[in-house]
Amino acid sequence: MIVRGRVQGVGFRAATAHEARNLAVRGWVRNRMEGDVEVLCIGDPAAVDALVAWLGEGPRGARVTGLDVDDAPTAVGLENLDGFVIR
C-alpha cells in the first residue's frame, strides 16, 4: 500500500506499527523519498482489511489524501517475518 498526504513527520510509521501489532498483522512500514508511506503486510484477511481502513485515516496529525492498495497474490519476503517492523 502507498499512503499519500501529510504522512511524514506526524508519527505515521509508529502509529501504523502499533495498529498492525494490535491486529496481529505481520509486515513493515517505511517512508518513501516522494513523501509517501509504504506498507507491506500479511495476515488474517479481516485484520488486513481493518488495517487498510485505518490507513485511510491515519493517526491524529496526519492528513491522508490517497491510499493505493495492491493486493499482491503473495507477500514475498514476509513469510518468515515475525511481527511488524518500521524500516
PDB file of N, CA and C in Angstrom:
ATOM      1  N   MET A   1       0.844  -1.169   0.000  1.00  0.00           N
ATOM      2  CA  MET A   1       0.000   0.000   0.000  1.00  0.00           C
ATOM      3  C   MET A   1       0.890   1.233   0.000  1.00  0.00           C
ATOM      4  N   ILE A   2       0.415   2.255  -0.651  1.00  0.00           N
ATOM      5  CA  ILE A   2       1.075   3.557  -0.637  1.00  0.00           C
ATOM      6  C   ILE A   2       0.070   4.546  -0.053  1.00  0.00           C
ATOM      7  N   VAL A   3       0.486   5.239   1.002  1.00  0.00           N
ATOM      8  CA  VAL A   3      -0.366   6.224   1.660  1.00  0.00           C
ATOM      9  C   VAL A   3       0.191   7.603   1.318  1.00  0.00           C
ATOM     10  N   ARG A   4      -0.646   8.459   0.753  1.00  0.00           N
ATOM     11  CA  ARG A   4      -0.239   9.799   0.345  1.00  0.00           C
ATOM     12  C   ARG A   4      -0.898  10.856   1.225  1.00  0.00           C
ATOM     13  N   GLY A   5      -0.269  12.009   1.264  1.00  0.00           N
ATOM     14  CA  GLY A   5      -0.793  13.136   2.029  1.00  0.00           C
ATOM     15  C   GLY A   5       0.245  13.619   3.018  1.00  0.00           C
ATOM     16  N   ARG A   6      -0.232  14.189   4.106  1.00  0.00           N
ATOM     17  CA  ARG A   6       0.671  14.611   5.182  1.00  0.00           C
ATOM     18  C   ARG A   6       0.876  13.401   6.091  1.00  0.00           C
ATOM     19  N   VAL A   7       1.849  12.568   5.706  1.00  0.00           N
ATOM     20  CA  VAL A   7       2.039  11.298   6.394  1.00  0.00           C
ATOM     21  C   VAL A   7       3.467  11.104   6.908  1.00  0.00           C
ATOM     22  N   GLN A   8       4.322  12.075   6.684  1.00  0.00           N
ATOM     23  CA  GLN A   8       5.674  12.011   7.239  1.00  0.00           C
ATOM     24  C   GLN A   8       5.828  13.133   8.250  1.00  0.00           C
ATOM     25  N   GLY A   9       6.539  12.844   9.324  1.00  0.00           N
ATOM     26  CA  GLY A   9       6.752  13.837  10.367  1.00  0.00           C
ATOM     27  C   GLY A   9       5.595  13.957  11.345  1.00  0.00           C
ATOM     28  N   VAL A  10       4.671  12.998  11.308  1.00  0.00           N
ATOM     29  CA  VAL A  10       3.498  13.041  12.193  1.00  0.00           C
ATOM     30  C   VAL A  10       3.338  11.749  13.000  1.00  0.00           C
ATOM     31  N   GLY A  11       4.376  10.919  13.024  1.00  0.00           N
ATOM     32  CA  GLY A  11       4.301   9.662  13.767  1.00  0.00           C
ATOM     33  C   GLY A  11       3.528   8.572  13.050  1.00  0.00           C
ATOM     34  N   PHE A  12       3.398   8.686  11.743  1.00  0.00           N
ATOM     35  CA  PHE A  12       2.584   7.748  10.982  1.00  0.00           C
ATOM     36  C   PHE A  12       3.135   6.326  11.049  1.00  0.00           C
ATOM     37  N   ARG A  13       4.444   6.176  10.887  1.00  0.00           N
ATOM     38  CA  ARG A  13       5.021   4.824  10.899  1.00  0.00           C
ATOM     39  C   ARG A  13       4.845   4.148  12.253  1.00  0.00           C
ATOM     40  N   ALA A  14       5.122   4.868  13.327  1.00  0.00           N
ATOM     41  CA  ALA A  14       4.985   4.278  14.670  1.00  0.00           C
ATOM     42  C   ALA A  14       3.532   3.916  14.950  1.00  0.00           C
ATOM     43  N   ALA A  15       2.612   4.786  14.577  1.00  0.00           N
ATOM     44  CA  ALA A  15       1.198   4.513  14.803  1.00  0.00           C
ATOM     45  C   ALA A  15       0.725   3.339  13.951  1.00  0.00           C
ATOM     46  N   THR A  16       1.241   3.235  12.725  1.00  0.00           N
ATOM     47  CA  THR A  16       0.885   2.108  11.860  1.00  0.00           C
ATOM     48  C   THR A  16       1.391   0.801  12.461  1.00  0.00           C
ATOM     49  N   ALA A  17       2.629   0.801  12.930  1.00  0.00           N
ATOM     50  CA  ALA A  17       3.184  -0.408  13.551  1.00  0.00           C
ATOM     51  C   ALA A  17       2.367  -0.807  14.770  1.00  0.00           C
ATOM     52  N   HIS A  18       1.976   0.153  15.579  1.00  0.00           N
ATOM     53  CA  HIS A  18       1.163  -0.130  16.767  1.00  0.00           C
ATOM     54  C   HIS A  18      -0.180  -0.747  16.368  1.00  0.00           C
ATOM     55  N   GLU A  19      -0.834  -0.151  15.394  1.00  0.00           N
ATOM     56  CA  GLU A  19      -2.131  -0.654  14.930  1.00  0.00           C
ATOM     57  C   GLU A  19      -1.992  -2.059  14.340  1.00  0.00           C
ATOM     58  N   ALA A  20      -0.965  -2.266  13.526  1.00  0.00           N
ATOM     59  CA  ALA A  20      -0.753  -3.579  12.903  1.00  0.00           C
ATOM     60  C   ALA A  20      -0.494  -4.647  13.959  1.00  0.00           C
ATOM     61  N   ARG A  21       0.302  -4.311  14.954  1.00  0.00           N
ATOM     62  CA  ARG A  21       0.583  -5.285  16.023  1.00  0.00           C
ATOM     63  C   ARG A  21      -0.686  -5.619  16.801  1.00  0.00           C
ATOM     64  N   ASN A  22      -1.516  -4.624  17.058  1.00  0.00           N
ATOM     65  CA  ASN A  22      -2.789  -4.880  17.744  1.00  0.00           C
ATOM     66  C   ASN A  22      -3.688  -5.805  16.938  1.00  0.00           C
ATOM     67  N   LEU A  23      -3.577  -5.733  15.617  1.00  0.00           N
ATOM     68  CA  LEU A  23      -4.389  -6.568  14.734  1.00  0.00           C
ATOM     69  C   LEU A  23      -3.724  -7.894  14.401  1.00  0.00           C
ATOM     70  N   ALA A  24      -2.514  -8.126  14.920  1.00  0.00           N
ATOM     71  CA  ALA A  24      -1.729  -9.339  14.639  1.00  0.00           C
ATOM     72  C   ALA A  24      -1.412  -9.482  13.153  1.00  0.00           C
ATOM     73  N   VAL A  25      -1.132  -8.343  12.521  1.00  0.00           N
ATOM     74  CA  VAL A  25      -0.729  -8.315  11.122  1.00  0.00           C
ATOM     75  C   VAL A  25       0.796  -8.249  11.084  1.00  0.00           C
ATOM     76  N   ARG A  26       1.414  -9.030  10.205  1.00  0.00           N
ATOM     77  CA  ARG A  26       2.874  -9.017  10.051  1.00  0.00           C
ATOM     78  C   ARG A  26       3.250  -8.175   8.839  1.00  0.00           C
ATOM     79  N   GLY A  27       4.439  -7.563   8.900  1.00  0.00           N
ATOM     80  CA  GLY A  27       4.908  -6.802   7.757  1.00  0.00           C
ATOM     81  C   GLY A  27       5.817  -5.664   8.150  1.00  0.00           C
ATOM     82  N   TRP A  28       5.800  -4.611   7.329  1.00  0.00           N
ATOM     83  CA  TRP A  28       6.637  -3.452   7.609  1.00  0.00           C
ATOM     84  C   TRP A  28       6.022  -2.179   7.052  1.00  0.00           C
ATOM     85  N   VAL A  29       6.543  -1.052   7.548  1.00  0.00           N
ATOM     86  CA  VAL A  29       6.148   0.273   7.087  1.00  0.00           C
ATOM     87  C   VAL A  29       7.420   1.091   6.924  1.00  0.00           C
ATOM     88  N   ARG A  30       7.460   1.930   5.883  1.00  0.00           N
ATOM     89  CA  ARG A  30       8.626   2.789   5.671  1.00  0.00           C
ATOM     90  C   ARG A  30       8.224   4.065   4.945  1.00  0.00           C
ATOM     91  N   ASN A  31       9.031   5.113   5.172  1.00  0.00           N
ATOM     92  CA  ASN A  31       8.865   6.354   4.425  1.00  0.00           C
ATOM     93  C   ASN A  31       9.450   6.165   3.037  1.00  0.00           C
ATOM     94  N   ARG A  32       8.862   6.866   2.080  1.00  0.00           N
ATOM     95  CA  ARG A  32       9.389   6.876   0.714  1.00  0.00           C
ATOM     96  C   ARG A  32       9.941   8.264   0.414  1.00  0.00           C
ATOM     97  N   MET A  33      10.901   8.323  -0.463  1.00  0.00           N
ATOM     98  CA  MET A  33      11.535   9.602  -0.800  1.00  0.00           C
ATOM     99  C   MET A  33      10.531  10.611  -1.368  1.00  0.00           C
ATOM    100  N   GLU A  34       9.463  10.133  -1.969  1.00  0.00           N
ATOM    101  CA  GLU A  34       8.452  11.003  -2.567  1.00  0.00           C
ATOM    102  C   GLU A  34       7.590  11.709  -1.521  1.00  0.00           C
ATOM    103  N   GLY A  35       7.754  11.326  -0.231  1.00  0.00           N
ATOM    104  CA  GLY A  35       6.955  11.917   0.835  1.00  0.00           C
ATOM    105  C   GLY A  35       5.775  11.060   1.252  1.00  0.00           C
ATOM    106  N   ASP A  36       5.639   9.900   0.624  1.00  0.00           N
ATOM    107  CA  ASP A  36       4.561   8.969   0.947  1.00  0.00           C
ATOM    108  C   ASP A  36       5.052   7.964   1.977  1.00  0.00           C
ATOM    109  N   VAL A  37       4.147   7.108   2.428  1.00  0.00           N
ATOM    110  CA  VAL A  37       4.483   5.995   3.309  1.00  0.00           C
ATOM    111  C   VAL A  37       4.071   4.709   2.600  1.00  0.00           C
ATOM    112  N   GLU A  38       4.930   3.708   2.663  1.00  0.00           N
ATOM    113  CA  GLU A  38       4.668   2.414   2.038  1.00  0.00           C
ATOM    114  C   GLU A  38       4.471   1.358   3.116  1.00  0.00           C
ATOM    115  N   VAL A  39       3.485   0.497   2.924  1.00  0.00           N
ATOM    116  CA  VAL A  39       3.176  -0.572   3.872  1.00  0.00           C
ATOM    117  C   VAL A  39       3.058  -1.874   3.100  1.00  0.00           C
ATOM    118  N   LEU A  40       3.720  -2.904   3.613  1.00  0.00           N
ATOM    119  CA  LEU A  40       3.573  -4.247   3.079  1.00  0.00           C
ATOM    120  C   LEU A  40       3.182  -5.137   4.244  1.00  0.00           C
ATOM    121  N   CYS A  41       2.099  -5.887   4.094  1.00  0.00           N
ATOM    122  CA  CYS A  41       1.635  -6.680   5.236  1.00  0.00           C
ATOM    123  C   CYS A  41       0.950  -7.957   4.787  1.00  0.00           C
ATOM    124  N   ILE A  42       0.829  -8.858   5.754  1.00  0.00           N
ATOM    125  CA  ILE A  42       0.158 -10.135   5.542  1.00  0.00           C
ATOM    126  C   ILE A  42      -0.520 -10.514   6.856  1.00  0.00           C
ATOM    127  N   GLY A  43      -1.636 -11.190   6.753  1.00  0.00           N
ATOM    128  CA  GLY A  43      -2.332 -11.623   7.953  1.00  0.00           C
ATOM    129  C   GLY A  43      -3.734 -12.075   7.634  1.00  0.00           C
ATOM    130  N   ASP A  44      -4.511 -12.282   8.677  1.00  0.00           N
ATOM    131  CA  ASP A  44      -5.911 -12.646   8.516  1.00  0.00           C
ATOM    132  C   ASP A  44      -6.584 -11.585   7.643  1.00  0.00           C
ATOM    133  N   PRO A  45      -7.337 -11.984   6.622  1.00  0.00           N
ATOM    134  CA  PRO A  45      -7.938 -11.010   5.718  1.00  0.00           C
ATOM    135  C   PRO A  45      -8.764  -9.917   6.426  1.00  0.00           C
ATOM    136  N   ALA A  46      -9.494 -10.274   7.455  1.00  0.00           N
ATOM    137  CA  ALA A  46     -10.282  -9.276   8.180  1.00  0.00           C
ATOM    138  C   ALA A  46      -9.375  -8.281   8.894  1.00  0.00           C
ATOM    139  N   ALA A  47      -8.257  -8.765   9.429  1.00  0.00           N
ATOM    140  CA  ALA A  47      -7.309  -7.889  10.114  1.00  0.00           C
ATOM    141  C   ALA A  47      -6.613  -6.966   9.119  1.00  0.00           C
ATOM    142  N   VAL A  48      -6.244  -7.500   7.965  1.00  0.00           N
ATOM    143  CA  VAL A  48      -5.625  -6.667   6.928  1.00  0.00           C
ATOM    144  C   VAL A  48      -6.619  -5.611   6.460  1.00  0.00           C
ATOM    145  N   ASP A  49      -7.871  -5.990   6.265  1.00  0.00           N
ATOM    146  CA  ASP A  49      -8.902  -5.018   5.874  1.00  0.00           C
ATOM    147  C   ASP A  49      -9.053  -3.921   6.923  1.00  0.00           C
ATOM    148  N   ALA A  50      -8.977  -4.291   8.188  1.00  0.00           N
ATOM    149  CA  ALA A  50      -9.073  -3.305   9.267  1.00  0.00           C
ATOM    150  C   ALA A  50      -7.885  -2.359   9.228  1.00  0.00           C
ATOM    151  N   LEU A  51      -6.682  -2.874   8.938  1.00  0.00           N
ATOM    152  CA  LEU A  51      -5.513  -2.012   8.834  1.00  0.00           C
ATOM    153  C   LEU A  51      -5.639  -1.081   7.634  1.00  0.00           C
ATOM    154  N   VAL A  52      -6.126  -1.581   6.523  1.00  0.00           N
ATOM    155  CA  VAL A  52      -6.334  -0.745   5.338  1.00  0.00           C
ATOM    156  C   VAL A  52      -7.303   0.398   5.672  1.00  0.00           C
ATOM    157  N   ALA A  53      -8.386   0.076   6.355  1.00  0.00           N
ATOM    158  CA  ALA A  53      -9.352   1.113   6.749  1.00  0.00           C
ATOM    159  C   ALA A  53      -8.693   2.146   7.652  1.00  0.00           C
ATOM    160  N   TRP A  54      -7.871   1.691   8.593  1.00  0.00           N
ATOM    161  CA  TRP A  54      -7.180   2.602   9.498  1.00  0.00           C
ATOM    162  C   TRP A  54      -6.209   3.490   8.728  1.00  0.00           C
ATOM    163  N   LEU A  55      -5.492   2.904   7.765  1.00  0.00           N
ATOM    164  CA  LEU A  55      -4.539   3.675   6.965  1.00  0.00           C
ATOM    165  C   LEU A  55      -5.224   4.787   6.179  1.00  0.00           C
ATOM    166  N   GLY A  56      -6.472   4.597   5.840  1.00  0.00           N
ATOM    167  CA  GLY A  56      -7.224   5.628   5.131  1.00  0.00           C
ATOM    168  C   GLY A  56      -7.449   6.876   5.956  1.00  0.00           C
ATOM    169  N   GLU A  57      -7.339   6.739   7.261  1.00  0.00           N
ATOM    170  CA  GLU A  57      -7.487   7.878   8.182  1.00  0.00           C
ATOM    171  C   GLU A  57      -6.151   8.276   8.789  1.00  0.00           C
ATOM    172  N   GLY A  58      -5.384   7.280   9.238  1.00  0.00           N
ATOM    173  CA  GLY A  58      -4.097   7.528   9.876  1.00  0.00           C
ATOM    174  C   GLY A  58      -4.246   8.068  11.280  1.00  0.00           C
ATOM    175  N   PRO A  59      -3.112   8.369  11.932  1.00  0.00           N
ATOM    176  CA  PRO A  59      -3.136   8.885  13.299  1.00  0.00           C
ATOM    177  C   PRO A  59      -3.490  10.364  13.329  1.00  0.00           C
ATOM    178  N   ARG A  60      -3.750  10.854  14.520  1.00  0.00           N
ATOM    179  CA  ARG A  60      -4.021  12.276  14.687  1.00  0.00           C
ATOM    180  C   ARG A  60      -2.802  13.057  14.197  1.00  0.00           C
ATOM    181  N   GLY A  61      -3.016  14.110  13.482  1.00  0.00           N
ATOM    182  CA  GLY A  61      -1.936  14.912  12.927  1.00  0.00           C
ATOM    183  C   GLY A  61      -1.647  14.596  11.476  1.00  0.00           C
ATOM    184  N   ALA A  62      -2.055  13.419  11.026  1.00  0.00           N
ATOM    185  CA  ALA A  62      -1.868  13.052   9.621  1.00  0.00           C
ATOM    186  C   ALA A  62      -3.068  13.534   8.811  1.00  0.00           C
ATOM    187  N   ARG A  63      -2.832  13.704   7.523  1.00  0.00           N
ATOM    188  CA  ARG A  63      -3.918  14.040   6.605  1.00  0.00           C
ATOM    189  C   ARG A  63      -3.745  13.177   5.362  1.00  0.00           C
ATOM    190  N   VAL A  64      -4.467  12.078   5.334  1.00  0.00           N
ATOM    191  CA  VAL A  64      -4.363  11.141   4.221  1.00  0.00           C
ATOM    192  C   VAL A  64      -5.204  11.661   3.063  1.00  0.00           C
ATOM    193  N   THR A  65      -4.546  11.814   1.905  1.00  0.00           N
ATOM    194  CA  THR A  65      -5.256  12.287   0.718  1.00  0.00           C
ATOM    195  C   THR A  65      -5.416  11.191  -0.329  1.00  0.00           C
ATOM    196  N   GLY A  66      -4.734  10.076  -0.122  1.00  0.00           N
ATOM    197  CA  GLY A  66      -4.847   8.970  -1.064  1.00  0.00           C
ATOM    198  C   GLY A  66      -4.277   7.697  -0.491  1.00  0.00           C
ATOM    199  N   LEU A  67      -4.845   6.585  -0.905  1.00  0.00           N
ATOM    200  CA  LEU A  67      -4.385   5.272  -0.461  1.00  0.00           C
ATOM    201  C   LEU A  67      -4.488   4.319  -1.642  1.00  0.00           C
ATOM    202  N   ASP A  68      -3.340   3.849  -2.098  1.00  0.00           N
ATOM    203  CA  ASP A  68      -3.294   2.872  -3.185  1.00  0.00           C
ATOM    204  C   ASP A  68      -3.060   1.498  -2.579  1.00  0.00           C
ATOM    205  N   VAL A  69      -3.948   0.569  -2.868  1.00  0.00           N
ATOM    206  CA  VAL A  69      -3.845  -0.786  -2.336  1.00  0.00           C
ATOM    207  C   VAL A  69      -3.626  -1.733  -3.502  1.00  0.00           C
ATOM    208  N   ASP A  70      -2.560  -2.507  -3.416  1.00  0.00           N
ATOM    209  CA  ASP A  70      -2.259  -3.521  -4.417  1.00  0.00           C
ATOM    210  C   ASP A  70      -2.319  -4.870  -3.717  1.00  0.00           C
ATOM    211  N   ASP A  71      -3.322  -5.643  -4.020  1.00  0.00           N
ATOM    212  CA  ASP A  71      -3.471  -6.966  -3.406  1.00  0.00           C
ATOM    213  C   ASP A  71      -2.575  -7.952  -4.130  1.00  0.00           C
ATOM    214  N   ALA A  72      -1.339  -8.039  -3.665  1.00  0.00           N
ATOM    215  CA  ALA A  72      -0.381  -8.973  -4.256  1.00  0.00           C
ATOM    216  C   ALA A  72      -0.798 -10.401  -3.916  1.00  0.00           C
ATOM    217  N   PRO A  73      -0.675 -11.324  -4.858  1.00  0.00           N
ATOM    218  CA  PRO A  73      -1.059 -12.713  -4.570  1.00  0.00           C
ATOM    219  C   PRO A  73      -0.186 -13.344  -3.496  1.00  0.00           C
ATOM    220  N   THR A  74       1.059 -12.913  -3.395  1.00  0.00           N
ATOM    221  CA  THR A  74       1.933 -13.388  -2.333  1.00  0.00           C
ATOM    222  C   THR A  74       2.711 -12.202  -1.796  1.00  0.00           C
ATOM    223  N   ALA A  75       2.956 -12.208  -0.531  1.00  0.00           N
ATOM    224  CA  ALA A  75       3.727 -11.140   0.096  1.00  0.00           C
ATOM    225  C   ALA A  75       5.171 -11.622   0.193  1.00  0.00           C
ATOM    226  N   VAL A  76       5.896 -11.525  -0.907  1.00  0.00           N
ATOM    227  CA  VAL A  76       7.266 -12.006  -0.978  1.00  0.00           C
ATOM    228  C   VAL A  76       8.118 -11.302   0.075  1.00  0.00           C
ATOM    229  N   GLY A  77       8.845 -12.082   0.831  1.00  0.00           N
ATOM    230  CA  GLY A  77       9.713 -11.537   1.861  1.00  0.00           C
ATOM    231  C   GLY A  77       9.057 -11.422   3.219  1.00  0.00           C
ATOM    232  N   LEU A  78       7.770 -11.734   3.311  1.00  0.00           N
ATOM    233  CA  LEU A  78       7.067 -11.627   4.589  1.00  0.00           C
ATOM    234  C   LEU A  78       6.821 -12.985   5.230  1.00  0.00           C
ATOM    235  N   GLU A  79       7.034 -14.057   4.474  1.00  0.00           N
ATOM    236  CA  GLU A  79       6.657 -15.363   5.010  1.00  0.00           C
ATOM    237  C   GLU A  79       7.407 -15.727   6.280  1.00  0.00           C
ATOM    238  N   ASN A  80       8.632 -15.230   6.453  1.00  0.00           N
ATOM    239  CA  ASN A  80       9.406 -15.544   7.652  1.00  0.00           C
ATOM    240  C   ASN A  80       9.489 -14.369   8.623  1.00  0.00           C
ATOM    241  N   LEU A  81       8.788 -13.305   8.341  1.00  0.00           N
ATOM    242  CA  LEU A  81       8.840 -12.128   9.206  1.00  0.00           C
ATOM    243  C   LEU A  81       7.976 -12.352  10.431  1.00  0.00           C
ATOM    244  N   ASP A  82       8.551 -12.071  11.578  1.00  0.00           N
ATOM    245  CA  ASP A  82       7.832 -12.217  12.848  1.00  0.00           C
ATOM    246  C   ASP A  82       7.464 -10.830  13.345  1.00  0.00           C
ATOM    247  N   GLY A  83       6.204 -10.485  13.305  1.00  0.00           N
ATOM    248  CA  GLY A  83       5.755  -9.195  13.796  1.00  0.00           C
ATOM    249  C   GLY A  83       5.678  -8.138  12.719  1.00  0.00           C
ATOM    250  N   PHE A  84       5.664  -6.892  13.147  1.00  0.00           N
ATOM    251  CA  PHE A  84       5.543  -5.754  12.242  1.00  0.00           C
ATOM    252  C   PHE A  84       6.633  -4.761  12.602  1.00  0.00           C
ATOM    253  N   VAL A  85       7.422  -4.353  11.614  1.00  0.00           N
ATOM    254  CA  VAL A  85       8.585  -3.517  11.872  1.00  0.00           C
ATOM    255  C   VAL A  85       8.526  -2.191  11.105  1.00  0.00           C
ATOM    256  N   ILE A  86       9.250  -1.225  11.651  1.00  0.00           N
ATOM    257  CA  ILE A  86       9.439   0.062  10.988  1.00  0.00           C
ATOM    258  C   ILE A  86      10.781  -0.012  10.270  1.00  0.00           C
ATOM    259  N   ARG A  87      10.779   0.310   9.006  1.00  0.00           N
ATOM    260  CA  ARG A  87      12.032   0.300   8.244  1.00  0.00           C
ATOM    261  C   ARG A  87      12.502   1.718   7.982  1.00  0.00           C
TER     262      ARG A  87
END
